[in-house]
């Protein structure tokens, strides 16, 4: 680690749970972020400031004026740019030493199969059910931990789905792919601006904990926030042995 890196990451290095060894681990880690909007903005920025060495951003959308109310990786000069390019530029402005790959693509099964296999952690910041299911399938297939968040209106939720843990559920255990429901979109329902920041920052924190090998992730726990009252609730989520996605996976590591 260089003198400049020792200074840049000194507040991490001072933490007993991280130290120089942990910071070096982050610098050697690879994160895949699906979505560069409201949730993806704080995720990308905090992974960048924390020194995650390789960050891949995937999003096929362009920045528009309505995004600026909450998507803090973008600004007025970004309007019309691909969100991944704008977010990558924002990371580089803070920490130019990292390897950031910006992919203006839709996260389909074929792309995810490749990208998830190359990642150490996957952070799902997408805004639709189909993409979340596709990301989950790829993470189960390649045994990669998934940090999933969602936010709409004043309601947010976050959990970790870690198929390396023997008794941990996957996303489909809680939200089966054949579920029937009306999908809420920010463009129709609205979203409280700081809510995506709260959930996104928590996603970044969980991703960093996973990369560092710290215990007590949110695997098996779904946390939900009502931002009107700033009240959190949590439910335990068991693994579904009959899940069509992870039900037949072999036992992994023990839960932490």
C-alpha atoms as a PDB file:
ATOM      1  CA  UNK A   1       0.000   0.000   0.000  1.00  0.00           C
ATOM      2  CA  UNK A   2       1.407   3.408  -0.972  1.00  0.00           C
ATOM      3  CA  UNK A   3       1.819   6.363   1.370  1.00  0.00           C
ATOM      4  CA  UNK A   4      -1.031   8.125  -0.434  1.00  0.00           C
ATOM      5  CA  UNK A   5      -3.302   5.105   0.095  1.00  0.00           C
ATOM      6  CA  UNK A   6      -2.337   4.862   3.748  1.00  0.00           C
ATOM      7  CA  UNK A   7      -3.425   8.474   4.171  1.00  0.00           C
ATOM      8  CA  UNK A   8      -6.564   8.195   2.016  1.00  0.00           C
ATOM      9  CA  UNK A   9      -7.858   5.122   3.872  1.00  0.00           C
ATOM     10  CA  UNK A  10      -6.461   6.018   7.304  1.00  0.00           C
ATOM     11  CA  UNK A  11      -9.903   6.195   8.956  1.00  0.00           C
ATOM     12  CA  UNK A  12     -10.627   2.650   7.806  1.00  0.00           C
ATOM     13  CA  UNK A  13      -7.198   1.442   8.839  1.00  0.00           C
ATOM     14  CA  UNK A  14      -7.760   2.795  12.356  1.00  0.00           C
ATOM     15  CA  UNK A  15     -10.712   0.429  12.773  1.00  0.00           C
ATOM     16  CA  UNK A  16      -9.726  -2.864  14.404  1.00  0.00           C
ATOM     17  CA  UNK A  17     -12.192  -4.730  12.186  1.00  0.00           C
ATOM     18  CA  UNK A  18     -10.499  -3.437   9.022  1.00  0.00           C
ATOM     19  CA  UNK A  19      -6.888  -2.332   9.490  1.00  0.00           C
ATOM     20  CA  UNK A  20      -4.302  -2.467   6.713  1.00  0.00           C
ATOM     21  CA  UNK A  21      -5.085  -6.090   5.865  1.00  0.00           C
ATOM     22  CA  UNK A  22      -8.790  -5.380   5.449  1.00  0.00           C
ATOM     23  CA  UNK A  23      -8.172  -2.293   3.346  1.00  0.00           C
ATOM     24  CA  UNK A  24      -5.869  -4.275   1.080  1.00  0.00           C
ATOM     25  CA  UNK A  25      -8.625  -6.843   0.763  1.00  0.00           C
ATOM     26  CA  UNK A  26     -11.033  -4.130  -0.391  1.00  0.00           C
ATOM     27  CA  UNK A  27      -8.498  -2.846  -2.908  1.00  0.00           C
ATOM     28  CA  UNK A  28      -8.284  -6.339  -4.381  1.00  0.00           C
ATOM     29  CA  UNK A  29     -12.058  -6.885  -4.426  1.00  0.00           C
ATOM     30  CA  UNK A  30     -14.509  -6.805  -7.330  1.00  0.00           C
ATOM     31  CA  UNK A  31     -18.039  -5.429  -6.957  1.00  0.00           C
ATOM     32  CA  UNK A  32     -20.862  -5.591  -9.477  1.00  0.00           C
ATOM     33  CA  UNK A  33     -23.538  -2.888  -9.175  1.00  0.00           C
ATOM     34  CA  UNK A  34     -26.770  -3.390 -11.117  1.00  0.00           C
ATOM     35  CA  UNK A  35     -28.423  -0.011 -11.588  1.00  0.00           C
ATOM     36  CA  UNK A  36     -26.891   3.468 -11.384  1.00  0.00           C
ATOM     37  CA  UNK A  37     -29.943   5.427 -10.269  1.00  0.00           C
ATOM     38  CA  UNK A  38     -31.326   6.289  -6.839  1.00  0.00           C
ATOM     39  CA  UNK A  39     -29.927   3.282  -4.976  1.00  0.00           C
ATOM     40  CA  UNK A  40     -26.953   2.745  -7.246  1.00  0.00           C
ATOM     41  CA  UNK A  41     -25.683   6.307  -6.783  1.00  0.00           C
ATOM     42  CA  UNK A  42     -24.781   6.074  -3.070  1.00  0.00           C
ATOM     43  CA  UNK A  43     -23.677   2.462  -3.514  1.00  0.00           C
ATOM     44  CA  UNK A  44     -21.255   3.360  -6.298  1.00  0.00           C
ATOM     45  CA  UNK A  45     -19.915   6.435  -4.516  1.00  0.00           C
ATOM     46  CA  UNK A  46     -19.342   4.714  -1.178  1.00  0.00           C
ATOM     47  CA  UNK A  47     -17.735   1.650  -2.752  1.00  0.00           C
ATOM     48  CA  UNK A  48     -15.470   4.099  -4.552  1.00  0.00           C
ATOM     49  CA  UNK A  49     -14.584   6.162  -1.492  1.00  0.00           C
ATOM     50  CA  UNK A  50     -14.005   2.976   0.521  1.00  0.00           C
ATOM     51  CA  UNK A  51     -11.470   1.730  -2.029  1.00  0.00           C
ATOM     52  CA  UNK A  52     -13.112  -1.281  -3.643  1.00  0.00           C
ATOM     53  CA  UNK A  53     -10.527  -1.876  -6.347  1.00  0.00           C
ATOM     54  CA  UNK A  54     -12.770  -2.953  -9.219  1.00  0.00           C
ATOM     55  CA  UNK A  55     -16.352  -1.732  -9.686  1.00  0.00           C
ATOM     56  CA  UNK A  56     -18.563  -2.689 -12.620  1.00  0.00           C
ATOM     57  CA  UNK A  57     -21.681  -0.571 -13.190  1.00  0.00           C
ATOM     58  CA  UNK A  58     -24.539  -1.868 -15.346  1.00  0.00           C
ATOM     59  CA  UNK A  59     -27.482   0.289 -16.448  1.00  0.00           C
ATOM     60  CA  UNK A  60     -28.952   1.007 -19.880  1.00  0.00           C
ATOM     61  CA  UNK A  61     -30.666   4.286 -18.952  1.00  0.00           C
ATOM     62  CA  UNK A  62     -29.755   7.939 -19.560  1.00  0.00           C
ATOM     63  CA  UNK A  63     -29.757  10.750 -16.993  1.00  0.00           C
ATOM     64  CA  UNK A  64     -32.718  13.120 -17.168  1.00  0.00           C
ATOM     65  CA  UNK A  65     -33.821  16.092 -15.093  1.00  0.00           C
ATOM     66  CA  UNK A  66     -36.284  14.089 -12.966  1.00  0.00           C
ATOM     67  CA  UNK A  67     -33.407  11.898 -11.722  1.00  0.00           C
ATOM     68  CA  UNK A  68     -31.585  14.778 -10.025  1.00  0.00           C
ATOM     69  CA  UNK A  69     -34.087  14.940  -7.153  1.00  0.00           C
ATOM     70  CA  UNK A  70     -32.476  11.816  -5.642  1.00  0.00           C
ATOM     71  CA  UNK A  71     -29.750  10.282  -7.838  1.00  0.00           C
ATOM     72  CA  UNK A  72     -26.729  11.938  -6.273  1.00  0.00           C
ATOM     73  CA  UNK A  73     -24.077  10.511  -8.622  1.00  0.00           C
ATOM     74  CA  UNK A  74     -25.430  12.766 -11.401  1.00  0.00           C
ATOM     75  CA  UNK A  75     -25.704  16.526 -11.931  1.00  0.00           C
ATOM     76  CA  UNK A  76     -26.990  18.997 -14.522  1.00  0.00           C
ATOM     77  CA  UNK A  77     -23.977  18.403 -16.753  1.00  0.00           C
ATOM     78  CA  UNK A  78     -24.857  14.681 -16.805  1.00  0.00           C
ATOM     79  CA  UNK A  79     -28.293  15.106 -18.405  1.00  0.00           C
ATOM     80  CA  UNK A  80     -28.436  13.022 -21.559  1.00  0.00           C
ATOM     81  CA  UNK A  81     -25.392  10.941 -20.585  1.00  0.00           C
ATOM     82  CA  UNK A  82     -25.557   7.218 -19.830  1.00  0.00           C
ATOM     83  CA  UNK A  83     -26.020   6.851 -16.095  1.00  0.00           C
ATOM     84  CA  UNK A  84     -23.100   4.435 -15.856  1.00  0.00           C
ATOM     85  CA  UNK A  85     -20.763   6.929 -17.527  1.00  0.00           C
ATOM     86  CA  UNK A  86     -21.928   9.733 -15.242  1.00  0.00           C
ATOM     87  CA  UNK A  87     -21.559   7.569 -12.119  1.00  0.00           C
ATOM     88  CA  UNK A  88     -18.133   6.330 -13.203  1.00  0.00           C
ATOM     89  CA  UNK A  89     -17.044   9.932 -13.685  1.00  0.00           C
ATOM     90  CA  UNK A  90     -18.282  10.831 -10.198  1.00  0.00           C
ATOM     91  CA  UNK A  91     -16.318   7.955  -8.670  1.00  0.00           C
ATOM     92  CA  UNK A  92     -13.184   8.964 -10.593  1.00  0.00           C
ATOM     93  CA  UNK A  93     -13.503  12.547  -9.354  1.00  0.00           C
ATOM     94  CA  UNK A  94     -13.214  11.239  -5.778  1.00  0.00           C
ATOM     95  CA  UNK A  95     -10.915   8.251  -6.220  1.00  0.00           C
ATOM     96  CA  UNK A  96      -9.198   7.968  -9.618  1.00  0.00           C
ATOM     97  CA  UNK A  97      -7.079   4.958  -8.610  1.00  0.00           C
ATOM     98  CA  UNK A  98      -9.898   2.438  -8.975  1.00  0.00           C
ATOM     99  CA  UNK A  99     -10.864   0.330 -11.985  1.00  0.00           C
ATOM    100  CA  UNK A 100     -14.420   1.287 -12.927  1.00  0.00           C
ATOM    101  CA  UNK A 101     -16.159  -0.384 -15.855  1.00  0.00           C
ATOM    102  CA  UNK A 102     -19.287   1.353 -17.172  1.00  0.00           C
ATOM    103  CA  UNK A 103     -21.609  -0.919 -19.163  1.00  0.00           C
ATOM    104  CA  UNK A 104     -24.616   0.761 -20.779  1.00  0.00           C
ATOM    105  CA  UNK A 105     -26.473  -2.505 -21.151  1.00  0.00           C
ATOM    106  CA  UNK A 106     -29.601  -4.183 -19.842  1.00  0.00           C
ATOM    107  CA  UNK A 107     -28.769  -6.833 -17.262  1.00  0.00           C
ATOM    108  CA  UNK A 108     -30.066  -9.958 -19.040  1.00  0.00           C
ATOM    109  CA  UNK A 109     -29.304 -13.588 -18.211  1.00  0.00           C
ATOM    110  CA  UNK A 110     -26.366 -13.909 -20.585  1.00  0.00           C
ATOM    111  CA  UNK A 111     -24.628 -10.759 -19.383  1.00  0.00           C
ATOM    112  CA  UNK A 112     -25.258 -11.567 -15.735  1.00  0.00           C
ATOM    113  CA  UNK A 113     -23.882 -15.075 -16.107  1.00  0.00           C
ATOM    114  CA  UNK A 114     -20.571 -13.567 -17.173  1.00  0.00           C
ATOM    115  CA  UNK A 115     -20.402 -10.589 -14.826  1.00  0.00           C
ATOM    116  CA  UNK A 116     -21.599 -12.316 -11.643  1.00  0.00           C
ATOM    117  CA  UNK A 117     -19.024 -15.075 -12.056  1.00  0.00           C
ATOM    118  CA  UNK A 118     -16.279 -12.405 -12.053  1.00  0.00           C
ATOM    119  CA  UNK A 119     -17.547 -10.523  -8.973  1.00  0.00           C
ATOM    120  CA  UNK A 120     -16.918 -10.988  -5.259  1.00  0.00           C
ATOM    121  CA  UNK A 121     -20.175  -9.277  -4.303  1.00  0.00           C
ATOM    122  CA  UNK A 122     -23.258  -8.201  -6.269  1.00  0.00           C
ATOM    123  CA  UNK A 123     -25.388  -5.217  -5.306  1.00  0.00           C
ATOM    124  CA  UNK A 124     -28.836  -5.103  -6.889  1.00  0.00           C
ATOM    125  CA  UNK A 125     -30.012  -1.510  -7.253  1.00  0.00           C
ATOM    126  CA  UNK A 126     -32.446  -2.218 -10.085  1.00  0.00           C
ATOM    127  CA  UNK A 127     -36.051  -1.066 -10.129  1.00  0.00           C
ATOM    128  CA  UNK A 128     -37.954  -4.017 -11.575  1.00  0.00           C
ATOM    129  CA  UNK A 129     -38.917  -7.532 -10.525  1.00  0.00           C
ATOM    130  CA  UNK A 130     -37.633  -9.310 -13.635  1.00  0.00           C
ATOM    131  CA  UNK A 131     -34.111  -7.943 -13.253  1.00  0.00           C
ATOM    132  CA  UNK A 132     -34.042  -8.778  -9.542  1.00  0.00           C
ATOM    133  CA  UNK A 133     -34.995 -12.360 -10.320  1.00  0.00           C
ATOM    134  CA  UNK A 134     -32.350 -12.613 -13.056  1.00  0.00           C
ATOM    135  CA  UNK A 135     -29.666 -11.220 -10.748  1.00  0.00           C
ATOM    136  CA  UNK A 136     -30.690 -13.654  -8.013  1.00  0.00           C
ATOM    137  CA  UNK A 137     -30.528 -16.658 -10.355  1.00  0.00           C
ATOM    138  CA  UNK A 138     -27.019 -15.742 -11.446  1.00  0.00           C
ATOM    139  CA  UNK A 139     -25.889 -15.212  -7.843  1.00  0.00           C
ATOM    140  CA  UNK A 140     -27.222 -18.627  -6.798  1.00  0.00           C
ATOM    141  CA  UNK A 141     -25.618 -20.287  -9.830  1.00  0.00           C
ATOM    142  CA  UNK A 142     -22.202 -18.804  -9.091  1.00  0.00           C
ATOM    143  CA  UNK A 143     -22.512 -18.754  -5.269  1.00  0.00           C
ATOM    144  CA  UNK A 144     -22.018 -15.005  -5.003  1.00  0.00           C
ATOM    145  CA  UNK A 145     -23.483 -12.936  -2.145  1.00  0.00           C
ATOM    146  CA  UNK A 146     -26.245 -10.561  -3.204  1.00  0.00           C
ATOM    147  CA  UNK A 147     -27.172  -7.313  -1.467  1.00  0.00           C
ATOM    148  CA  UNK A 148     -30.672  -6.325  -2.545  1.00  0.00           C
ATOM    149  CA  UNK A 149     -32.476  -3.068  -1.836  1.00  0.00           C
ATOM    150  CA  UNK A 150     -35.704  -1.399  -2.916  1.00  0.00           C
ATOM    151  CA  UNK A 151     -37.399   1.948  -2.287  1.00  0.00           C
ATOM    152  CA  UNK A 152     -40.701   3.455  -3.345  1.00  0.00           C
ATOM    153  CA  UNK A 153     -42.764   6.252  -1.850  1.00  0.00           C
ATOM    154  CA  UNK A 154     -41.693   6.394   1.808  1.00  0.00           C
ATOM    155  CA  UNK A 155     -41.030   2.635   2.095  1.00  0.00           C
ATOM    156  CA  UNK A 156     -37.672   0.920   1.769  1.00  0.00           C
ATOM    157  CA  UNK A 157     -36.283  -2.549   2.320  1.00  0.00           C
ATOM    158  CA  UNK A 158     -32.917  -4.281   2.316  1.00  0.00           C
ATOM    159  CA  UNK A 159     -31.569  -7.784   2.772  1.00  0.00           C
ATOM    160  CA  UNK A 160     -28.614  -9.996   1.904  1.00  0.00           C
ATOM    161  CA  UNK A 161     -29.084 -13.256   0.026  1.00  0.00           C
ATOM    162  CA  UNK A 162     -25.955 -15.339   0.474  1.00  0.00           C
ATOM    163  CA  UNK A 163     -26.086 -18.791  -1.113  1.00  0.00           C
ATOM    164  CA  UNK A 164     -22.713 -19.634   0.449  1.00  0.00           C
ATOM    165  CA  UNK A 165     -24.500 -19.874   3.797  1.00  0.00           C
ATOM    166  CA  UNK A 166     -26.206 -23.236   4.198  1.00  0.00           C
ATOM    167  CA  UNK A 167     -29.450 -22.028   5.771  1.00  0.00           C
ATOM    168  CA  UNK A 168     -29.716 -18.621   4.063  1.00  0.00           C
ATOM    169  CA  UNK A 169     -32.554 -17.949   1.614  1.00  0.00           C
ATOM    170  CA  UNK A 170     -32.237 -16.530  -1.866  1.00  0.00           C
ATOM    171  CA  UNK A 171     -34.378 -13.671  -3.178  1.00  0.00           C
ATOM    172  CA  UNK A 172     -36.805 -16.141  -4.777  1.00  0.00           C
ATOM    173  CA  UNK A 173     -37.442 -17.841  -1.421  1.00  0.00           C
ATOM    174  CA  UNK A 174     -39.097 -14.635  -0.263  1.00  0.00           C
ATOM    175  CA  UNK A 175     -40.372 -13.351  -3.617  1.00  0.00           C
ATOM    176  CA  UNK A 176     -41.139 -16.364  -5.860  1.00  0.00           C
ATOM    177  CA  UNK A 177     -40.690 -15.653  -9.589  1.00  0.00           C
ATOM    178  CA  UNK A 178     -44.319 -16.543 -10.325  1.00  0.00           C
ATOM    179  CA  UNK A 179     -45.699 -14.037  -7.801  1.00  0.00           C
ATOM    180  CA  UNK A 180     -48.501 -11.855  -9.132  1.00  0.00           C
ATOM    181  CA  UNK A 181     -48.492  -8.222  -8.046  1.00  0.00           C
ATOM    182  CA  UNK A 182     -48.634  -4.705  -9.422  1.00  0.00           C
ATOM    183  CA  UNK A 183     -45.105  -3.414  -9.877  1.00  0.00           C
ATOM    184  CA  UNK A 184     -44.663   0.079  -8.447  1.00  0.00           C
ATOM    185  CA  UNK A 185     -42.486   2.567 -10.333  1.00  0.00           C
ATOM    186  CA  UNK A 186     -41.041   5.871  -9.138  1.00  0.00           C
ATOM    187  CA  UNK A 187     -42.356   7.603 -12.258  1.00  0.00           C
ATOM    188  CA  UNK A 188     -45.914   6.799 -11.171  1.00  0.00           C
ATOM    189  CA  UNK A 189     -45.716   6.484  -7.380  1.00  0.00           C
ATOM    190  CA  UNK A 190     -42.973   8.961  -6.478  1.00  0.00           C
ATOM    191  CA  UNK A 191     -40.155   8.410  -3.997  1.00  0.00           C
ATOM    192  CA  UNK A 192     -38.915  10.403  -0.994  1.00  0.00           C
ATOM    193  CA  UNK A 193     -35.471  11.659  -2.025  1.00  0.00           C
ATOM    194  CA  UNK A 194     -33.429  10.729   1.098  1.00  0.00           C
ATOM    195  CA  UNK A 195     -34.990   7.244   1.236  1.00  0.00           C
ATOM    196  CA  UNK A 196     -32.874   5.923  -1.627  1.00  0.00           C
ATOM    197  CA  UNK A 197     -29.820   7.385   0.086  1.00  0.00           C
ATOM    198  CA  UNK A 198     -30.605   5.593   3.348  1.00  0.00           C
ATOM    199  CA  UNK A 199     -31.187   2.216   1.684  1.00  0.00           C
ATOM    200  CA  UNK A 200     -28.306   2.658  -0.769  1.00  0.00           C
ATOM    201  CA  UNK A 201     -25.863   3.525   2.017  1.00  0.00           C
ATOM    202  CA  UNK A 202     -26.947   0.416   3.901  1.00  0.00           C
ATOM    203  CA  UNK A 203     -26.424  -1.664   0.774  1.00  0.00           C
ATOM    204  CA  UNK A 204     -22.910  -0.270   0.467  1.00  0.00           C
ATOM    205  CA  UNK A 205     -22.248  -1.065   4.126  1.00  0.00           C
ATOM    206  CA  UNK A 206     -23.450  -4.656   3.757  1.00  0.00           C
ATOM    207  CA  UNK A 207     -21.382  -5.100   0.592  1.00  0.00           C
ATOM    208  CA  UNK A 208     -18.238  -3.828   2.322  1.00  0.00           C
ATOM    209  CA  UNK A 209     -18.861  -6.112   5.319  1.00  0.00           C
ATOM    210  CA  UNK A 210     -19.163  -9.091   2.983  1.00  0.00           C
ATOM    211  CA  UNK A 211     -15.961  -8.181   1.147  1.00  0.00           C
ATOM    212  CA  UNK A 212     -14.137  -7.793   4.472  1.00  0.00           C
ATOM    213  CA  UNK A 213     -15.472 -11.087   5.792  1.00  0.00           C
ATOM    214  CA  UNK A 214     -17.137  -9.412   8.775  1.00  0.00           C
ATOM    215  CA  UNK A 215     -19.858 -11.363  10.630  1.00  0.00           C
ATOM    216  CA  UNK A 216     -23.534 -10.599  11.138  1.00  0.00           C
ATOM    217  CA  UNK A 217     -24.680  -9.727   7.632  1.00  0.00           C
ATOM    218  CA  UNK A 218     -28.373  -9.326   6.858  1.00  0.00           C
ATOM    219  CA  UNK A 219     -28.560 -12.827   5.375  1.00  0.00           C
ATOM    220  CA  UNK A 220     -31.860 -14.353   6.491  1.00  0.00           C
ATOM    221  CA  UNK A 221     -33.170 -10.989   7.696  1.00  0.00           C
ATOM    222  CA  UNK A 222     -35.336  -8.535   5.780  1.00  0.00           C
ATOM    223  CA  UNK A 223     -35.300  -5.012   7.164  1.00  0.00           C
ATOM    224  CA  UNK A 224     -38.054  -2.570   6.219  1.00  0.00           C
ATOM    225  CA  UNK A 225     -38.173   1.175   6.776  1.00  0.00           C
ATOM    226  CA  UNK A 226     -41.210   3.441   7.031  1.00  0.00           C
ATOM    227  CA  UNK A 227     -39.558   6.803   6.442  1.00  0.00           C
ATOM    228  CA  UNK A 228     -42.655   8.721   7.551  1.00  0.00           C
ATOM    229  CA  UNK A 229     -42.068   7.644  11.152  1.00  0.00           C
ATOM    230  CA  UNK A 230     -38.437   6.522  10.652  1.00  0.00           C
ATOM    231  CA  UNK A 231     -39.473   3.176  12.106  1.00  0.00           C
ATOM    232  CA  UNK A 232     -37.593   0.003  11.190  1.00  0.00           C
ATOM    233  CA  UNK A 233     -39.078  -3.461  11.301  1.00  0.00           C
ATOM    234  CA  UNK A 234     -37.338  -6.771  10.676  1.00  0.00           C
ATOM    235  CA  UNK A 235     -38.524 -10.259   9.801  1.00  0.00           C
ATOM    236  CA  UNK A 236     -36.567 -13.494   9.701  1.00  0.00           C
ATOM    237  CA  UNK A 237     -36.611 -15.138   6.287  1.00  0.00           C
ATOM    238  CA  UNK A 238     -35.974 -18.903   6.227  1.00  0.00           C
ATOM    239  CA  UNK A 239     -34.606 -20.770   3.253  1.00  0.00           C
ATOM    240  CA  UNK A 240     -37.354 -22.492   1.256  1.00  0.00           C
ATOM    241  CA  UNK A 241     -36.281 -26.074   0.598  1.00  0.00           C
ATOM    242  CA  UNK A 242     -38.781 -26.163  -2.253  1.00  0.00           C
ATOM    243  CA  UNK A 243     -37.506 -22.979  -3.909  1.00  0.00           C
ATOM    244  CA  UNK A 244     -37.237 -23.405  -7.654  1.00  0.00           C
ATOM    245  CA  UNK A 245     -34.022 -21.354  -7.736  1.00  0.00           C
ATOM    246  CA  UNK A 246     -31.942 -22.402  -4.717  1.00  0.00           C
ATOM    247  CA  UNK A 247     -33.807 -25.442  -3.368  1.00  0.00           C
ATOM    248  CA  UNK A 248     -31.342 -27.955  -4.790  1.00  0.00           C
ATOM    249  CA  UNK A 249     -28.136 -26.095  -4.085  1.00  0.00           C
ATOM    250  CA  UNK A 250     -25.504 -27.899  -1.996  1.00  0.00           C
ATOM    251  CA  UNK A 251     -24.876 -26.840   1.578  1.00  0.00           C
ATOM    252  CA  UNK A 252     -22.427 -23.962   1.855  1.00  0.00           C
ATOM    253  CA  UNK A 253     -20.616 -22.387   4.771  1.00  0.00           C
ATOM    254  CA  UNK A 254     -22.253 -22.171   8.149  1.00  0.00           C
ATOM    255  CA  UNK A 255     -24.260 -19.049   8.936  1.00  0.00           C
ATOM    256  CA  UNK A 256     -22.342 -16.337  10.769  1.00  0.00           C
END
